[in-house]
Amino acid sequence: MQTLNIKNMVCNRCKTVVHQLFNNLGFQILSIELGKVEIKENDNNNFEKLEKALKKEGFEIIKETSKALMEKIKIALIKHIDKSDTDYILSELANELGKTYSFLSKSFSKSEGITLEKYFISLKIEKVKEHIQLNDLNFTEIAYSLNYNNSSHLAKQFKNNTGITMTDYKKSEIWNRKSLDKIV
């Protein structure tokens, strides 16, 4: 078995595309999850073709341990946002990844040029935009689903990050959302 960490594989659609690429090139997939594919080792596999095919679709195989860790951090945070894990706090990330929070925070800032906290807020803002676009929750429910104590705190962060209020964003119907793999 061989484990490959895949950059930019951040949603179920991404998993489908990556799965299809591996299958088309004759790789036997043992398991696939966000950011990671486990394959059966096989001398006949053509990694050069695989890397080209992945790159064409906006993905890449991560070969450096430090970059793989950054991708694991991103995937872990995206999963918690997608699950609307209201009790999740960033310090739990350290337990999940078996590292100290200080190490993860410093490594992330150095590698990505943004703090872990700001990255997490950016993910939350994109989730807010999604909820506003889907019109499935009111602002208070959105705030609660993203672990904010109140909607005014979320409203302030939204305005600081986007330059407009949530109400103005909703009224404008200009859904300028960022893809999660483009946040950093």
N, C-alpha and C. Protein backbone atom coordinates (compact mmCIF):
# COMPACT_ATOMS: atom_id res chain seq x y z
N MET A 1 0.84 -1.18 0.00
CA MET A 1 0.00 0.00 0.00
C MET A 1 0.89 1.24 0.00
N GLN A 2 0.44 2.24 -0.74
CA GLN A 2 1.14 3.52 -0.79
C GLN A 2 0.14 4.64 -0.56
N THR A 3 0.51 5.58 0.30
CA THR A 3 -0.37 6.71 0.60
C THR A 3 0.16 7.95 -0.12
N LEU A 4 -0.72 8.61 -0.85
CA LEU A 4 -0.37 9.84 -1.55
C LEU A 4 -1.23 10.98 -1.00
N ASN A 5 -0.57 12.05 -0.59
CA ASN A 5 -1.28 13.26 -0.17
C ASN A 5 -1.50 14.12 -1.40
N ILE A 6 -2.73 14.56 -1.59
CA ILE A 6 -3.11 15.30 -2.79
C ILE A 6 -3.50 16.73 -2.40
N LYS A 7 -2.82 17.70 -2.98
CA LYS A 7 -3.10 19.11 -2.72
C LYS A 7 -4.36 19.54 -3.47
N ASN A 8 -5.16 20.38 -2.81
CA ASN A 8 -6.38 20.99 -3.36
C ASN A 8 -7.57 20.04 -3.47
N MET A 9 -7.49 18.87 -2.88
CA MET A 9 -8.62 17.94 -2.88
C MET A 9 -9.46 18.24 -1.64
N VAL A 10 -10.36 19.22 -1.76
CA VAL A 10 -11.03 19.79 -0.58
C VAL A 10 -12.55 19.58 -0.54
N CYS A 11 -13.09 18.85 -1.49
CA CYS A 11 -14.55 18.64 -1.49
C CYS A 11 -14.86 17.29 -2.13
N ASN A 12 -16.11 16.87 -2.02
CA ASN A 12 -16.51 15.58 -2.58
C ASN A 12 -16.38 15.55 -4.10
N ARG A 13 -16.62 16.67 -4.74
CA ARG A 13 -16.44 16.75 -6.19
C ARG A 13 -14.98 16.49 -6.56
N CYS A 14 -14.08 17.05 -5.75
CA CYS A 14 -12.64 16.83 -5.95
C CYS A 14 -12.30 15.35 -5.83
N LYS A 15 -12.89 14.70 -4.82
CA LYS A 15 -12.65 13.27 -4.63
C LYS A 15 -13.07 12.47 -5.85
N THR A 16 -14.21 12.84 -6.42
CA THR A 16 -14.72 12.14 -7.60
C THR A 16 -13.77 12.29 -8.78
N VAL A 17 -13.29 13.51 -9.00
CA VAL A 17 -12.37 13.77 -10.11
C VAL A 17 -11.06 13.01 -9.91
N VAL A 18 -10.50 13.07 -8.71
CA VAL A 18 -9.24 12.38 -8.43
C VAL A 18 -9.42 10.87 -8.57
N HIS A 19 -10.52 10.35 -8.06
CA HIS A 19 -10.81 8.91 -8.17
C HIS A 19 -10.82 8.48 -9.64
N GLN A 20 -11.49 9.27 -10.46
CA GLN A 20 -11.60 8.97 -11.88
C GLN A 20 -10.22 9.00 -12.56
N LEU A 21 -9.39 9.99 -12.20
CA LEU A 21 -8.05 10.08 -12.79
C LEU A 21 -7.22 8.85 -12.45
N PHE A 22 -7.23 8.45 -11.19
CA PHE A 22 -6.48 7.27 -10.78
C PHE A 22 -6.96 6.02 -11.51
N ASN A 23 -8.28 5.85 -11.58
CA ASN A 23 -8.84 4.69 -12.27
C ASN A 23 -8.48 4.67 -13.75
N ASN A 24 -8.58 5.83 -14.40
CA ASN A 24 -8.26 5.91 -15.83
C ASN A 24 -6.83 5.53 -16.14
N LEU A 25 -5.94 5.74 -15.17
CA LEU A 25 -4.53 5.42 -15.38
C LEU A 25 -4.14 4.05 -14.81
N GLY A 26 -5.12 3.29 -14.37
CA GLY A 26 -4.88 1.91 -13.94
C GLY A 26 -4.40 1.73 -12.52
N PHE A 27 -4.56 2.74 -11.69
CA PHE A 27 -4.17 2.62 -10.29
C PHE A 27 -5.32 1.95 -9.52
N GLN A 28 -4.98 1.06 -8.62
CA GLN A 28 -5.99 0.40 -7.80
C GLN A 28 -6.10 1.15 -6.48
N ILE A 29 -7.23 1.84 -6.28
CA ILE A 29 -7.46 2.65 -5.09
C ILE A 29 -7.98 1.76 -3.97
N LEU A 30 -7.30 1.84 -2.83
CA LEU A 30 -7.74 1.11 -1.64
C LEU A 30 -8.66 1.97 -0.79
N SER A 31 -8.35 3.27 -0.71
CA SER A 31 -9.23 4.21 -0.01
C SER A 31 -8.95 5.62 -0.52
N ILE A 32 -9.96 6.45 -0.39
CA ILE A 32 -9.82 7.83 -0.81
C ILE A 32 -10.60 8.71 0.16
N GLU A 33 -9.98 9.78 0.61
CA GLU A 33 -10.64 10.77 1.45
C GLU A 33 -10.06 12.12 1.09
N LEU A 34 -10.63 13.16 1.63
CA LEU A 34 -10.14 14.50 1.29
C LEU A 34 -8.64 14.58 1.55
N GLY A 35 -7.89 14.94 0.52
CA GLY A 35 -6.46 15.17 0.66
C GLY A 35 -5.60 13.93 0.65
N LYS A 36 -6.19 12.73 0.55
CA LYS A 36 -5.38 11.52 0.67
C LYS A 36 -5.96 10.38 -0.15
N VAL A 37 -5.06 9.67 -0.86
CA VAL A 37 -5.45 8.49 -1.62
C VAL A 37 -4.48 7.37 -1.26
N GLU A 38 -5.03 6.21 -0.93
CA GLU A 38 -4.21 5.04 -0.69
C GLU A 38 -4.39 4.10 -1.87
N ILE A 39 -3.27 3.69 -2.45
CA ILE A 39 -3.31 2.83 -3.62
C ILE A 39 -2.50 1.56 -3.37
N LYS A 40 -2.81 0.55 -4.13
CA LYS A 40 -2.04 -0.68 -4.09
C LYS A 40 -0.75 -0.43 -4.85
N GLU A 41 0.37 -0.79 -4.25
CA GLU A 41 1.64 -0.57 -4.94
C GLU A 41 1.70 -1.48 -6.16
N ASN A 42 2.18 -0.91 -7.26
CA ASN A 42 2.24 -1.64 -8.51
C ASN A 42 3.33 -1.01 -9.37
N ASP A 43 4.26 -1.82 -9.82
CA ASP A 43 5.37 -1.31 -10.63
C ASP A 43 4.93 -0.76 -11.98
N ASN A 44 3.76 -1.16 -12.45
CA ASN A 44 3.30 -0.74 -13.76
C ASN A 44 2.67 0.65 -13.76
N ASN A 45 2.42 1.21 -12.57
CA ASN A 45 1.77 2.52 -12.50
C ASN A 45 2.69 3.61 -13.04
N ASN A 46 2.12 4.51 -13.77
CA ASN A 46 2.89 5.58 -14.37
C ASN A 46 2.63 6.88 -13.60
N PHE A 47 3.52 7.17 -12.64
CA PHE A 47 3.34 8.35 -11.80
C PHE A 47 3.53 9.64 -12.58
N GLU A 48 4.32 9.61 -13.61
CA GLU A 48 4.53 10.82 -14.42
C GLU A 48 3.22 11.22 -15.09
N LYS A 49 2.52 10.27 -15.68
CA LYS A 49 1.22 10.55 -16.30
C LYS A 49 0.21 11.00 -15.26
N LEU A 50 0.25 10.35 -14.10
CA LEU A 50 -0.66 10.71 -13.03
C LEU A 50 -0.44 12.15 -12.58
N GLU A 51 0.81 12.51 -12.38
CA GLU A 51 1.11 13.88 -11.95
C GLU A 51 0.65 14.91 -12.98
N LYS A 52 0.84 14.61 -14.25
CA LYS A 52 0.38 15.53 -15.31
C LYS A 52 -1.14 15.64 -15.32
N ALA A 53 -1.82 14.51 -15.18
CA ALA A 53 -3.28 14.50 -15.18
C ALA A 53 -3.83 15.26 -13.97
N LEU A 54 -3.23 15.05 -12.81
CA LEU A 54 -3.66 15.76 -11.61
C LEU A 54 -3.45 17.26 -11.76
N LYS A 55 -2.28 17.63 -12.25
CA LYS A 55 -1.96 19.06 -12.42
C LYS A 55 -2.95 19.73 -13.37
N LYS A 56 -3.32 19.03 -14.44
CA LYS A 56 -4.27 19.58 -15.42
C LYS A 56 -5.61 19.90 -14.77
N GLU A 57 -5.97 19.13 -13.72
CA GLU A 57 -7.25 19.34 -13.02
C GLU A 57 -7.10 20.21 -11.78
N GLY A 58 -5.89 20.74 -11.53
CA GLY A 58 -5.69 21.65 -10.40
C GLY A 58 -5.23 20.97 -9.11
N PHE A 59 -4.78 19.73 -9.19
CA PHE A 59 -4.30 19.00 -8.03
C PHE A 59 -2.81 18.72 -8.19
N GLU A 60 -2.20 18.25 -7.11
CA GLU A 60 -0.82 17.77 -7.23
C GLU A 60 -0.51 16.84 -6.08
N ILE A 61 0.44 15.95 -6.32
CA ILE A 61 0.91 15.05 -5.27
C ILE A 61 1.88 15.83 -4.40
N ILE A 62 1.65 15.79 -3.11
CA ILE A 62 2.52 16.51 -2.17
C ILE A 62 3.63 15.56 -1.74
N LYS A 63 4.85 15.99 -1.98
CA LYS A 63 5.99 15.12 -1.68
C LYS A 63 6.72 15.53 -0.41
N GLU A 64 6.62 16.78 -0.02
CA GLU A 64 7.32 17.26 1.17
C GLU A 64 6.44 17.07 2.41
N THR A 65 7.04 16.58 3.47
CA THR A 65 6.32 16.33 4.72
C THR A 65 5.67 17.59 5.27
N SER A 66 6.39 18.71 5.22
CA SER A 66 5.84 19.95 5.77
C SER A 66 4.63 20.42 4.97
N LYS A 67 4.67 20.28 3.66
CA LYS A 67 3.52 20.67 2.84
C LYS A 67 2.34 19.73 3.05
N ALA A 68 2.65 18.46 3.28
CA ALA A 68 1.58 17.49 3.56
C ALA A 68 0.88 17.86 4.87
N LEU A 69 1.65 18.30 5.85
CA LEU A 69 1.06 18.72 7.12
C LEU A 69 0.15 19.93 6.92
N MET A 70 0.57 20.89 6.10
CA MET A 70 -0.26 22.08 5.84
C MET A 70 -1.58 21.66 5.20
N GLU A 71 -1.52 20.71 4.28
CA GLU A 71 -2.74 20.24 3.62
C GLU A 71 -3.63 19.51 4.62
N LYS A 72 -3.04 18.74 5.52
CA LYS A 72 -3.82 18.04 6.55
C LYS A 72 -4.53 19.05 7.44
N ILE A 73 -3.85 20.13 7.77
CA ILE A 73 -4.47 21.18 8.59
C ILE A 73 -5.68 21.75 7.85
N LYS A 74 -5.48 22.11 6.59
CA LYS A 74 -6.58 22.70 5.81
C LYS A 74 -7.77 21.74 5.71
N ILE A 75 -7.47 20.48 5.41
CA ILE A 75 -8.54 19.48 5.26
C ILE A 75 -9.29 19.30 6.58
N ALA A 76 -8.57 19.23 7.69
CA ALA A 76 -9.21 19.06 9.00
C ALA A 76 -10.15 20.22 9.28
N LEU A 77 -9.72 21.44 9.00
CA LEU A 77 -10.56 22.61 9.26
C LEU A 77 -11.76 22.65 8.33
N ILE A 78 -11.56 22.31 7.07
CA ILE A 78 -12.66 22.27 6.11
C ILE A 78 -13.70 21.24 6.54
N LYS A 79 -13.25 20.08 6.99
CA LYS A 79 -14.19 19.04 7.44
C LYS A 79 -15.05 19.55 8.59
N HIS A 80 -14.43 20.25 9.54
CA HIS A 80 -15.20 20.75 10.68
C HIS A 80 -16.18 21.84 10.27
N ILE A 81 -15.79 22.67 9.33
CA ILE A 81 -16.71 23.70 8.83
C ILE A 81 -17.88 23.03 8.11
N ASP A 82 -17.58 22.04 7.28
CA ASP A 82 -18.64 21.37 6.52
C ASP A 82 -19.61 20.61 7.42
N LYS A 83 -19.11 20.08 8.52
CA LYS A 83 -19.97 19.34 9.45
C LYS A 83 -20.74 20.27 10.38
N SER A 84 -20.49 21.57 10.28
CA SER A 84 -21.07 22.54 11.22
C SER A 84 -20.82 22.08 12.65
N ASP A 85 -19.57 21.75 12.92
CA ASP A 85 -19.14 21.27 14.22
C ASP A 85 -19.06 22.46 15.17
N THR A 86 -20.18 22.77 15.82
CA THR A 86 -20.28 24.00 16.61
C THR A 86 -19.39 24.01 17.84
N ASP A 87 -18.97 22.85 18.31
CA ASP A 87 -18.13 22.80 19.51
C ASP A 87 -16.64 22.83 19.18
N TYR A 88 -16.29 22.81 17.92
CA TYR A 88 -14.89 22.72 17.52
C TYR A 88 -14.14 24.03 17.78
N ILE A 89 -12.97 23.89 18.36
CA ILE A 89 -12.08 25.04 18.55
C ILE A 89 -10.72 24.67 17.98
N LEU A 90 -9.99 25.67 17.55
CA LEU A 90 -8.72 25.42 16.87
C LEU A 90 -7.73 24.60 17.70
N SER A 91 -7.73 24.75 19.00
CA SER A 91 -6.77 24.01 19.81
C SER A 91 -6.97 22.49 19.69
N GLU A 92 -8.16 22.04 19.31
CA GLU A 92 -8.42 20.61 19.12
C GLU A 92 -7.67 20.06 17.91
N LEU A 93 -7.29 20.94 17.01
CA LEU A 93 -6.54 20.54 15.83
C LEU A 93 -5.23 19.86 16.22
N ALA A 94 -4.60 20.35 17.26
CA ALA A 94 -3.34 19.77 17.74
C ALA A 94 -3.52 18.32 18.13
N ASN A 95 -4.60 18.01 18.83
CA ASN A 95 -4.87 16.62 19.22
C ASN A 95 -5.10 15.74 18.00
N GLU A 96 -5.86 16.26 17.04
CA GLU A 96 -6.16 15.50 15.83
C GLU A 96 -4.91 15.12 15.05
N LEU A 97 -3.97 16.06 14.99
CA LEU A 97 -2.78 15.85 14.16
C LEU A 97 -1.56 15.40 14.96
N GLY A 98 -1.71 15.27 16.26
CA GLY A 98 -0.62 14.77 17.09
C GLY A 98 0.56 15.72 17.21
N LYS A 99 0.29 17.00 17.15
CA LYS A 99 1.33 18.03 17.28
C LYS A 99 0.86 19.06 18.30
N THR A 100 1.76 19.90 18.74
CA THR A 100 1.33 20.98 19.64
C THR A 100 0.67 22.08 18.80
N TYR A 101 -0.24 22.79 19.42
CA TYR A 101 -0.91 23.87 18.71
C TYR A 101 0.10 24.95 18.31
N SER A 102 1.03 25.23 19.18
CA SER A 102 2.06 26.24 18.89
C SER A 102 2.85 25.86 17.64
N PHE A 103 3.24 24.60 17.54
CA PHE A 103 3.98 24.13 16.37
C PHE A 103 3.15 24.28 15.10
N LEU A 104 1.88 23.85 15.17
CA LEU A 104 1.01 23.93 13.99
C LEU A 104 0.80 25.38 13.57
N SER A 105 0.56 26.24 14.54
CA SER A 105 0.30 27.65 14.26
C SER A 105 1.51 28.32 13.62
N LYS A 106 2.68 28.12 14.19
CA LYS A 106 3.90 28.72 13.64
C LYS A 106 4.23 28.16 12.27
N SER A 107 4.11 26.86 12.12
CA SER A 107 4.41 26.22 10.82
C SER A 107 3.46 26.72 9.75
N PHE A 108 2.18 26.82 10.09
CA PHE A 108 1.17 27.26 9.13
C PHE A 108 1.45 28.70 8.69
N SER A 109 1.71 29.57 9.65
CA SER A 109 1.99 30.98 9.34
C SER A 109 3.20 31.11 8.44
N LYS A 110 4.24 30.36 8.76
CA LYS A 110 5.48 30.43 7.98
C LYS A 110 5.26 29.90 6.55
N SER A 111 4.54 28.81 6.44
CA SER A 111 4.32 28.18 5.13
C SER A 111 3.32 28.92 4.25
N GLU A 112 2.22 29.36 4.86
CA GLU A 112 1.11 29.90 4.08
C GLU A 112 1.03 31.42 4.06
N GLY A 113 1.78 32.09 4.93
CA GLY A 113 1.77 33.56 4.95
C GLY A 113 0.51 34.14 5.56
N ILE A 114 -0.20 33.35 6.33
CA ILE A 114 -1.42 33.78 7.01
C ILE A 114 -1.50 32.98 8.30
N THR A 115 -2.05 33.59 9.35
CA THR A 115 -2.17 32.84 10.59
C THR A 115 -3.25 31.77 10.46
N LEU A 116 -3.13 30.77 11.29
CA LEU A 116 -4.12 29.70 11.32
C LEU A 116 -5.49 30.26 11.65
N GLU A 117 -5.53 31.22 12.56
CA GLU A 117 -6.80 31.83 12.96
C GLU A 117 -7.45 32.58 11.80
N LYS A 118 -6.64 33.36 11.07
CA LYS A 118 -7.19 34.10 9.92
C LYS A 118 -7.66 33.15 8.82
N TYR A 119 -6.93 32.06 8.62
CA TYR A 119 -7.34 31.07 7.63
C TYR A 119 -8.70 30.47 8.02
N PHE A 120 -8.83 30.11 9.30
CA PHE A 120 -10.07 29.52 9.79
C PHE A 120 -11.23 30.50 9.65
N ILE A 121 -10.99 31.76 9.94
CA ILE A 121 -12.02 32.78 9.76
C ILE A 121 -12.40 32.90 8.28
N SER A 122 -11.41 32.85 7.40
CA SER A 122 -11.70 32.91 5.96
C SER A 122 -12.58 31.75 5.51
N LEU A 123 -12.31 30.56 6.06
CA LEU A 123 -13.16 29.41 5.75
C LEU A 123 -14.59 29.65 6.23
N LYS A 124 -14.70 30.18 7.44
CA LYS A 124 -16.02 30.46 7.99
C LYS A 124 -16.77 31.49 7.14
N ILE A 125 -16.07 32.51 6.69
CA ILE A 125 -16.70 33.55 5.86
C ILE A 125 -17.23 32.94 4.56
N GLU A 126 -16.46 32.05 3.96
CA GLU A 126 -16.94 31.39 2.73
C GLU A 126 -18.16 30.52 3.02
N LYS A 127 -18.19 29.90 4.20
CA LYS A 127 -19.36 29.10 4.58
C LYS A 127 -20.57 30.00 4.80
N VAL A 128 -20.35 31.18 5.38
CA VAL A 128 -21.43 32.16 5.56
C VAL A 128 -22.00 32.53 4.19
N LYS A 129 -21.11 32.83 3.25
CA LYS A 129 -21.56 33.19 1.89
C LYS A 129 -22.40 32.07 1.29
N GLU A 130 -21.98 30.83 1.51
CA GLU A 130 -22.73 29.69 0.99
C GLU A 130 -24.13 29.64 1.60
N HIS A 131 -24.21 29.80 2.92
CA HIS A 131 -25.53 29.79 3.58
C HIS A 131 -26.41 30.95 3.09
N ILE A 132 -25.82 32.10 2.92
CA ILE A 132 -26.59 33.26 2.43
C ILE A 132 -27.10 32.97 1.02
N GLN A 133 -26.25 32.43 0.18
CA GLN A 133 -26.65 32.12 -1.19
C GLN A 133 -27.75 31.06 -1.21
N LEU A 134 -27.61 30.03 -0.37
CA LEU A 134 -28.62 28.97 -0.33
C LEU A 134 -29.90 29.41 0.37
N ASN A 135 -29.80 30.50 1.14
CA ASN A 135 -30.94 31.03 1.90
C ASN A 135 -31.55 29.96 2.80
N ASP A 136 -30.68 29.13 3.41
CA ASP A 136 -31.17 28.03 4.23
C ASP A 136 -31.20 28.34 5.73
N LEU A 137 -30.47 29.37 6.16
CA LEU A 137 -30.44 29.76 7.57
C LEU A 137 -30.48 31.27 7.68
N ASN A 138 -31.04 31.77 8.78
CA ASN A 138 -30.97 33.21 9.00
C ASN A 138 -29.60 33.53 9.61
N PHE A 139 -29.28 34.80 9.78
CA PHE A 139 -27.95 35.19 10.23
C PHE A 139 -27.62 34.64 11.62
N THR A 140 -28.58 34.60 12.51
CA THR A 140 -28.35 34.07 13.85
C THR A 140 -28.04 32.58 13.78
N GLU A 141 -28.78 31.85 12.98
CA GLU A 141 -28.54 30.41 12.82
C GLU A 141 -27.18 30.14 12.17
N ILE A 142 -26.81 30.98 11.21
CA ILE A 142 -25.49 30.84 10.59
C ILE A 142 -24.40 31.04 11.64
N ALA A 143 -24.55 32.09 12.44
CA ALA A 143 -23.56 32.37 13.49
C ALA A 143 -23.44 31.19 14.44
N TYR A 144 -24.56 30.66 14.88
CA TYR A 144 -24.55 29.53 15.80
C TYR A 144 -23.89 28.31 15.15
N SER A 145 -24.21 28.04 13.89
CA SER A 145 -23.66 26.86 13.20
C SER A 145 -22.14 26.94 13.05
N LEU A 146 -21.60 28.15 13.12
CA LEU A 146 -20.15 28.33 12.96
C LEU A 146 -19.45 28.66 14.29
N ASN A 147 -20.14 28.38 15.39
CA ASN A 147 -19.58 28.50 16.73
C ASN A 147 -19.32 29.94 17.17
N TYR A 148 -20.13 30.88 16.69
CA TYR A 148 -20.06 32.25 17.18
C TYR A 148 -21.03 32.40 18.34
N ASN A 149 -20.67 33.19 19.33
CA ASN A 149 -21.55 33.40 20.48
C ASN A 149 -22.78 34.21 20.10
N ASN A 150 -22.61 35.09 19.11
CA ASN A 150 -23.75 35.89 18.66
C ASN A 150 -23.52 36.33 17.21
N SER A 151 -24.59 36.77 16.59
CA SER A 151 -24.50 37.13 15.17
C SER A 151 -23.75 38.45 14.96
N SER A 152 -23.69 39.30 15.97
CA SER A 152 -22.98 40.58 15.78
C SER A 152 -21.47 40.36 15.64
N HIS A 153 -20.93 39.39 16.34
CA HIS A 153 -19.50 39.07 16.19
C HIS A 153 -19.22 38.57 14.78
N LEU A 154 -20.08 37.68 14.30
CA LEU A 154 -19.94 37.19 12.92
C LEU A 154 -20.10 38.33 11.93
N ALA A 155 -21.07 39.18 12.14
CA ALA A 155 -21.31 40.30 11.22
C ALA A 155 -20.09 41.20 11.12
N LYS A 156 -19.44 41.44 12.26
CA LYS A 156 -18.24 42.28 12.27
C LYS A 156 -17.11 41.60 11.49
N GLN A 157 -16.90 40.30 11.72
CA GLN A 157 -15.85 39.59 10.99
C GLN A 157 -16.15 39.54 9.50
N PHE A 158 -17.41 39.34 9.15
CA PHE A 158 -17.80 39.29 7.75
C PHE A 158 -17.46 40.62 7.07
N LYS A 159 -17.84 41.71 7.70
CA LYS A 159 -17.58 43.03 7.11
C LYS A 159 -16.08 43.30 7.03
N ASN A 160 -15.32 42.94 8.06
CA ASN A 160 -13.86 43.14 8.04
C ASN A 160 -13.20 42.35 6.93
N ASN A 161 -13.73 41.18 6.62
CA ASN A 161 -13.12 40.32 5.60
C ASN A 161 -13.59 40.61 4.19
N THR A 162 -14.84 41.06 4.04
CA THR A 162 -15.38 41.25 2.69
C THR A 162 -15.55 42.71 2.31
N GLY A 163 -15.62 43.58 3.31
CA GLY A 163 -15.84 45.00 3.04
C GLY A 163 -17.30 45.39 2.95
N ILE A 164 -18.21 44.40 3.04
CA ILE A 164 -19.64 44.70 3.01
C ILE A 164 -20.34 43.92 4.12
N THR A 165 -21.53 44.35 4.46
CA THR A 165 -22.30 43.65 5.49
C THR A 165 -22.92 42.38 4.90
N MET A 166 -23.34 41.49 5.79
CA MET A 166 -24.01 40.28 5.32
C MET A 166 -25.32 40.62 4.62
N THR A 167 -26.02 41.61 5.12
CA THR A 167 -27.28 42.04 4.50
C THR A 167 -27.03 42.57 3.09
N ASP A 168 -26.00 43.41 2.94
CA ASP A 168 -25.67 43.94 1.61
C ASP A 168 -25.24 42.82 0.66
N TYR A 169 -24.50 41.85 1.19
CA TYR A 169 -24.09 40.71 0.37
C TYR A 169 -25.32 39.95 -0.12
N LYS A 170 -26.26 39.73 0.79
CA LYS A 170 -27.48 39.00 0.44
C LYS A 170 -28.29 39.77 -0.59
N LYS A 171 -28.43 41.07 -0.41
CA LYS A 171 -29.21 41.90 -1.34
C LYS A 171 -28.56 41.98 -2.71
N SER A 172 -27.24 42.02 -2.75
CA SER A 172 -26.54 42.21 -4.03
C SER A 172 -26.69 41.01 -4.95
N GLU A 173 -26.83 39.83 -4.36
CA GLU A 173 -26.90 38.59 -5.13
C GLU A 173 -25.73 38.43 -6.09
N ILE A 174 -24.62 39.07 -5.76
CA ILE A 174 -23.38 38.86 -6.50
C ILE A 174 -22.56 37.89 -5.65
N TRP A 175 -22.63 36.63 -6.00
CA TRP A 175 -22.07 35.58 -5.16
C TRP A 175 -20.59 35.37 -5.48
N ASN A 176 -19.77 36.29 -5.01
CA ASN A 176 -18.34 36.20 -5.27
C ASN A 176 -17.65 35.34 -4.21
N ARG A 177 -17.95 34.06 -4.27
CA ARG A 177 -17.36 33.13 -3.32
C ARG A 177 -16.04 32.60 -3.85
N LYS A 178 -15.14 32.32 -2.92
CA LYS A 178 -13.85 31.73 -3.27
C LYS A 178 -13.96 30.22 -3.09
N SER A 179 -13.34 29.52 -3.99
CA SER A 179 -13.23 28.08 -3.83
C SER A 179 -12.30 27.83 -2.64
N LEU A 180 -12.60 26.81 -1.83
CA LEU A 180 -11.84 26.57 -0.61
C LEU A 180 -10.34 26.35 -0.86
N ASP A 181 -10.01 25.78 -2.00
CA ASP A 181 -8.59 25.55 -2.30
C ASP A 181 -7.88 26.83 -2.73
N LYS A 182 -8.62 27.91 -2.91
CA LYS A 182 -8.02 29.19 -3.33
C LYS A 182 -7.89 30.19 -2.19
N ILE A 183 -8.28 29.81 -0.98
CA ILE A 183 -8.21 30.73 0.15
C ILE A 183 -6.79 31.08 0.48
N VAL A 184 -5.88 30.13 0.43
CA VAL A 184 -4.46 30.44 0.69
C VAL A 184 -3.68 30.05 -0.54
